[in-house]
Amino acid sequence: MQNSVRKTVIPFVTNDFFCEIERIYNEDGKISDESLLALHAVFGPPLERALEMLEKECVTLLTTPNDTRQALQVSGGKGELYTLFPYINFCPCLAFAHQVAISQTHITCKHVLAARLSQIMGRTIRKEATPEEVARILCASAHADKGATYL
């Protein structure tokens, strides 16, 4: 029972939480100390690493000219490039596989947090791409999986 509640309720609660953080950011032009404490209470250590990534401007939004297709690319600490979908809690990194999908000790990884916060704060590097380029990047990302299995 507890595991099924976690899988169904947590995504909605965290999405609502991010919407509230975005509302506050849009009103105040910053993420308040109270919001940072709340974010840390929910996401824990991955938040600290995500904030460090934000300072390095490591999130790129790839978008087609009419914004119908989008993907995010987040640069990892060792030069890795993780391709994510906007507003989707999934990352192909090992931390996501082990800490989120398998052991369920974290809600998400630093890459997803950095991507979501950069979107809220308008700190993504925007690059226009053709639909074919976006599709190629997404396919390459799907085939680059290092054999991790998600149940």
C-alpha atoms as a PDB file:
ATOM      1  CA  MET A   1       0.000   0.000   0.000  1.00  0.00           C
ATOM      2  CA  GLN A   2       2.673   2.500   1.003  1.00  0.00           C
ATOM      3  CA  ASN A   3       4.663   1.915  -2.201  1.00  0.00           C
ATOM      4  CA  SER A   4       1.617   2.418  -4.446  1.00  0.00           C
ATOM      5  CA  VAL A   5       0.737   5.663  -2.647  1.00  0.00           C
ATOM      6  CA  ARG A   6       4.304   6.867  -3.133  1.00  0.00           C
ATOM      7  CA  LYS A   7       4.166   6.126  -6.865  1.00  0.00           C
ATOM      8  CA  THR A   8       0.819   7.843  -7.421  1.00  0.00           C
ATOM      9  CA  VAL A   9       0.710  10.738  -4.951  1.00  0.00           C
ATOM     10  CA  ILE A  10       4.314  11.982  -4.842  1.00  0.00           C
ATOM     11  CA  PRO A  11       4.442  13.134  -8.502  1.00  0.00           C
ATOM     12  CA  PHE A  12       1.309  15.256  -8.057  1.00  0.00           C
ATOM     13  CA  VAL A  13       2.462  16.737  -4.758  1.00  0.00           C
ATOM     14  CA  THR A  14       5.918  17.599  -6.095  1.00  0.00           C
ATOM     15  CA  ASN A  15       4.426  19.133  -9.248  1.00  0.00           C
ATOM     16  CA  ASP A  16       2.099  21.303  -7.143  1.00  0.00           C
ATOM     17  CA  PHE A  17       5.074  22.202  -4.965  1.00  0.00           C
ATOM     18  CA  PHE A  18       7.106  23.317  -7.998  1.00  0.00           C
ATOM     19  CA  CYS A  19       4.129  25.334  -9.263  1.00  0.00           C
ATOM     20  CA  GLU A  20       4.022  27.155  -5.925  1.00  0.00           C
ATOM     21  CA  ILE A  21       7.787  27.790  -6.043  1.00  0.00           C
ATOM     22  CA  GLU A  22       7.344  29.163  -9.572  1.00  0.00           C
ATOM     23  CA  ARG A  23       4.491  31.435  -8.454  1.00  0.00           C
ATOM     24  CA  ILE A  24       6.617  32.826  -5.623  1.00  0.00           C
ATOM     25  CA  TYR A  25       9.590  33.278  -7.951  1.00  0.00           C
ATOM     26  CA  ASN A  26       7.454  35.143 -10.492  1.00  0.00           C
ATOM     27  CA  GLU A  27       6.122  37.465  -7.778  1.00  0.00           C
ATOM     28  CA  ASP A  28       9.406  38.117  -5.957  1.00  0.00           C
ATOM     29  CA  GLY A  29      12.019  37.564  -8.667  1.00  0.00           C
ATOM     30  CA  LYS A  30      13.922  35.171  -6.420  1.00  0.00           C
ATOM     31  CA  ILE A  31      13.587  31.928  -4.538  1.00  0.00           C
ATOM     32  CA  SER A  32      13.178  32.886  -0.893  1.00  0.00           C
ATOM     33  CA  ASP A  33      15.092  31.320   1.985  1.00  0.00           C
ATOM     34  CA  GLU A  34      11.828  29.734   3.143  1.00  0.00           C
ATOM     35  CA  SER A  35      11.330  28.194  -0.294  1.00  0.00           C
ATOM     36  CA  LEU A  36      14.904  26.882  -0.306  1.00  0.00           C
ATOM     37  CA  LEU A  37      14.369  25.300   3.111  1.00  0.00           C
ATOM     38  CA  ALA A  38      11.143  23.706   1.900  1.00  0.00           C
ATOM     39  CA  LEU A  39      12.865  22.435  -1.254  1.00  0.00           C
ATOM     40  CA  HIS A  40      15.665  20.962   0.859  1.00  0.00           C
ATOM     41  CA  ALA A  41      13.185  19.312   3.213  1.00  0.00           C
ATOM     42  CA  VAL A  42      11.509  17.600   0.257  1.00  0.00           C
ATOM     43  CA  PHE A  43      14.496  16.776  -1.972  1.00  0.00           C
ATOM     44  CA  GLY A  44      17.449  16.620   0.431  1.00  0.00           C
ATOM     45  CA  PRO A  45      21.074  16.421  -0.764  1.00  0.00           C
ATOM     46  CA  PRO A  46      20.289  16.368  -4.515  1.00  0.00           C
ATOM     47  CA  LEU A  47      18.983  19.935  -4.147  1.00  0.00           C
ATOM     48  CA  GLU A  48      22.384  21.237  -3.031  1.00  0.00           C
ATOM     49  CA  ARG A  49      24.075  19.686  -6.051  1.00  0.00           C
ATOM     50  CA  ALA A  50      21.309  20.968  -8.356  1.00  0.00           C
ATOM     51  CA  LEU A  51      21.840  24.523  -7.095  1.00  0.00           C
ATOM     52  CA  GLU A  52      25.564  24.202  -7.799  1.00  0.00           C
ATOM     53  CA  MET A  53      24.702  23.067 -11.327  1.00  0.00           C
ATOM     54  CA  LEU A  54      22.428  26.084 -11.788  1.00  0.00           C
ATOM     55  CA  GLU A  55      25.321  28.404 -11.031  1.00  0.00           C
ATOM     56  CA  LYS A  56      27.290  26.743 -13.839  1.00  0.00           C
ATOM     57  CA  GLU A  57      24.416  27.248 -16.327  1.00  0.00           C
ATOM     58  CA  CYS A  58      24.469  23.616 -17.378  1.00  0.00           C
ATOM     59  CA  VAL A  59      20.856  23.279 -18.605  1.00  0.00           C
ATOM     60  CA  THR A  60      20.013  23.688 -22.292  1.00  0.00           C
ATOM     61  CA  LEU A  61      16.481  23.684 -23.701  1.00  0.00           C
ATOM     62  CA  LEU A  62      16.335  22.301 -27.225  1.00  0.00           C
ATOM     63  CA  THR A  63      13.175  23.440 -28.945  1.00  0.00           C
ATOM     64  CA  THR A  64      11.689  23.400 -32.416  1.00  0.00           C
ATOM     65  CA  PRO A  65      10.854  26.774 -34.000  1.00  0.00           C
ATOM     66  CA  ASN A  66       7.159  26.478 -33.066  1.00  0.00           C
ATOM     67  CA  ASP A  67       7.883  25.001 -29.592  1.00  0.00           C
ATOM     68  CA  THR A  68       5.981  21.777 -30.367  1.00  0.00           C
ATOM     69  CA  ARG A  69       8.923  19.567 -29.422  1.00  0.00           C
ATOM     70  CA  GLN A  70      11.304  20.182 -26.559  1.00  0.00           C
ATOM     71  CA  ALA A  71      14.039  18.354 -24.730  1.00  0.00           C
ATOM     72  CA  LEU A  72      16.407  19.421 -21.995  1.00  0.00           C
ATOM     73  CA  GLN A  73      20.076  18.574 -21.845  1.00  0.00           C
ATOM     74  CA  VAL A  74      21.876  18.790 -18.522  1.00  0.00           C
ATOM     75  CA  SER A  75      25.668  18.696 -18.354  1.00  0.00           C
ATOM     76  CA  GLY A  76      26.931  16.446 -15.597  1.00  0.00           C
ATOM     77  CA  GLY A  77      29.977  17.082 -13.457  1.00  0.00           C
ATOM     78  CA  LYS A  78      32.260  14.846 -15.516  1.00  0.00           C
ATOM     79  CA  GLY A  79      31.128  16.071 -18.921  1.00  0.00           C
ATOM     80  CA  GLU A  80      28.234  13.656 -19.322  1.00  0.00           C
ATOM     81  CA  LEU A  81      25.154  14.968 -21.089  1.00  0.00           C
ATOM     82  CA  TYR A  82      21.759  13.823 -19.804  1.00  0.00           C
ATOM     83  CA  THR A  83      18.721  14.304 -22.027  1.00  0.00           C
ATOM     84  CA  LEU A  84      15.438  14.884 -20.193  1.00  0.00           C
ATOM     85  CA  PHE A  85      11.849  15.703 -21.035  1.00  0.00           C
ATOM     86  CA  PRO A  86      10.481  18.936 -19.538  1.00  0.00           C
ATOM     87  CA  TYR A  87       8.387  18.359 -16.389  1.00  0.00           C
ATOM     88  CA  ILE A  88       8.999  14.584 -16.395  1.00  0.00           C
ATOM     89  CA  ASN A  89      10.669  12.984 -13.394  1.00  0.00           C
ATOM     90  CA  PHE A  90      13.099  10.707 -15.184  1.00  0.00           C
ATOM     91  CA  CYS A  91      16.824  10.856 -15.833  1.00  0.00           C
ATOM     92  CA  PRO A  92      19.096   8.237 -17.405  1.00  0.00           C
ATOM     93  CA  CYS A  93      21.816   8.826 -14.774  1.00  0.00           C
ATOM     94  CA  LEU A  94      22.930   6.099 -12.386  1.00  0.00           C
ATOM     95  CA  ALA A  95      21.852   8.086  -9.313  1.00  0.00           C
ATOM     96  CA  PHE A  96      18.279   8.159 -10.601  1.00  0.00           C
ATOM     97  CA  ALA A  97      18.365   4.424 -11.280  1.00  0.00           C
ATOM     98  CA  HIS A  98      19.712   3.526  -7.845  1.00  0.00           C
ATOM     99  CA  GLN A  99      18.356   6.203  -5.485  1.00  0.00           C
ATOM    100  CA  VAL A 100      15.002   6.929  -7.124  1.00  0.00           C
ATOM    101  CA  ALA A 101      13.899   3.864  -9.079  1.00  0.00           C
ATOM    102  CA  ILE A 102      15.467   1.024  -7.082  1.00  0.00           C
ATOM    103  CA  SER A 103      16.079   1.998  -3.443  1.00  0.00           C
ATOM    104  CA  GLN A 104      13.533   4.865  -3.476  1.00  0.00           C
ATOM    105  CA  THR A 105      15.576   6.913  -1.015  1.00  0.00           C
ATOM    106  CA  HIS A 106      15.224  10.094  -3.098  1.00  0.00           C
ATOM    107  CA  ILE A 107      12.341  11.626  -5.043  1.00  0.00           C
ATOM    108  CA  THR A 108      14.549  12.658  -7.952  1.00  0.00           C
ATOM    109  CA  CYS A 109      18.142  13.355  -8.979  1.00  0.00           C
ATOM    110  CA  LYS A 110      20.149  16.560  -9.218  1.00  0.00           C
ATOM    111  CA  HIS A 111      19.782  16.693 -13.015  1.00  0.00           C
ATOM    112  CA  VAL A 112      15.971  16.724 -12.921  1.00  0.00           C
ATOM    113  CA  LEU A 113      16.013  19.282 -10.099  1.00  0.00           C
ATOM    114  CA  ALA A 114      18.475  21.532 -11.926  1.00  0.00           C
ATOM    115  CA  ALA A 115      16.370  21.312 -15.085  1.00  0.00           C
ATOM    116  CA  ARG A 116      13.119  22.138 -13.303  1.00  0.00           C
ATOM    117  CA  LEU A 117      14.601  25.002 -11.285  1.00  0.00           C
ATOM    118  CA  SER A 118      16.321  26.464 -14.334  1.00  0.00           C
ATOM    119  CA  GLN A 119      12.972  26.493 -16.136  1.00  0.00           C
ATOM    120  CA  ILE A 120      11.302  28.198 -13.182  1.00  0.00           C
ATOM    121  CA  MET A 121      14.059  30.804 -12.991  1.00  0.00           C
ATOM    122  CA  GLY A 122      14.396  31.293 -16.750  1.00  0.00           C
ATOM    123  CA  ARG A 123      18.033  30.213 -16.628  1.00  0.00           C
ATOM    124  CA  THR A 124      18.030  27.638 -19.402  1.00  0.00           C
ATOM    125  CA  ILE A 125      20.182  28.175 -22.443  1.00  0.00           C
ATOM    126  CA  ARG A 126      17.713  28.059 -25.320  1.00  0.00           C
ATOM    127  CA  LYS A 127      18.792  26.452 -28.603  1.00  0.00           C
ATOM    128  CA  GLU A 128      16.552  26.094 -31.605  1.00  0.00           C
ATOM    129  CA  ALA A 129      16.645  22.754 -33.409  1.00  0.00           C
ATOM    130  CA  THR A 130      14.706  21.107 -36.194  1.00  0.00           C
ATOM    131  CA  PRO A 131      12.168  18.420 -35.254  1.00  0.00           C
ATOM    132  CA  GLU A 132      14.526  15.874 -36.819  1.00  0.00           C
ATOM    133  CA  GLU A 133      17.433  17.051 -34.660  1.00  0.00           C
ATOM    134  CA  VAL A 134      15.339  16.833 -31.489  1.00  0.00           C
ATOM    135  CA  ALA A 135      14.150  13.338 -32.498  1.00  0.00           C
ATOM    136  CA  ARG A 136      17.738  12.265 -33.242  1.00  0.00           C
ATOM    137  CA  ILE A 137      18.930  13.530 -29.843  1.00  0.00           C
ATOM    138  CA  LEU A 138      16.106  11.743 -28.026  1.00  0.00           C
ATOM    139  CA  CYS A 139      16.741   8.496 -29.915  1.00  0.00           C
ATOM    140  CA  ALA A 140      20.474   8.717 -29.238  1.00  0.00           C
ATOM    141  CA  SER A 141      19.735   9.255 -25.557  1.00  0.00           C
ATOM    142  CA  ALA A 142      17.431   6.233 -25.448  1.00  0.00           C
ATOM    143  CA  HIS A 143      20.081   4.033 -27.058  1.00  0.00           C
ATOM    144  CA  ALA A 144      22.888   5.361 -24.873  1.00  0.00           C
ATOM    145  CA  ASP A 145      21.393   3.670 -21.794  1.00  0.00           C
ATOM    146  CA  LYS A 146      24.155   1.665 -20.120  1.00  0.00           C
ATOM    147  CA  GLY A 147      21.973  -1.388 -19.632  1.00  0.00           C
ATOM    148  CA  ALA A 148      20.094  -0.172 -16.560  1.00  0.00           C
ATOM    149  CA  THR A 149      16.839  -1.966 -15.992  1.00  0.00           C
ATOM    150  CA  TYR A 150      13.828  -0.117 -14.601  1.00  0.00           C
ATOM    151  CA  LEU A 151      10.962  -2.088 -13.128  1.00  0.00           C
END
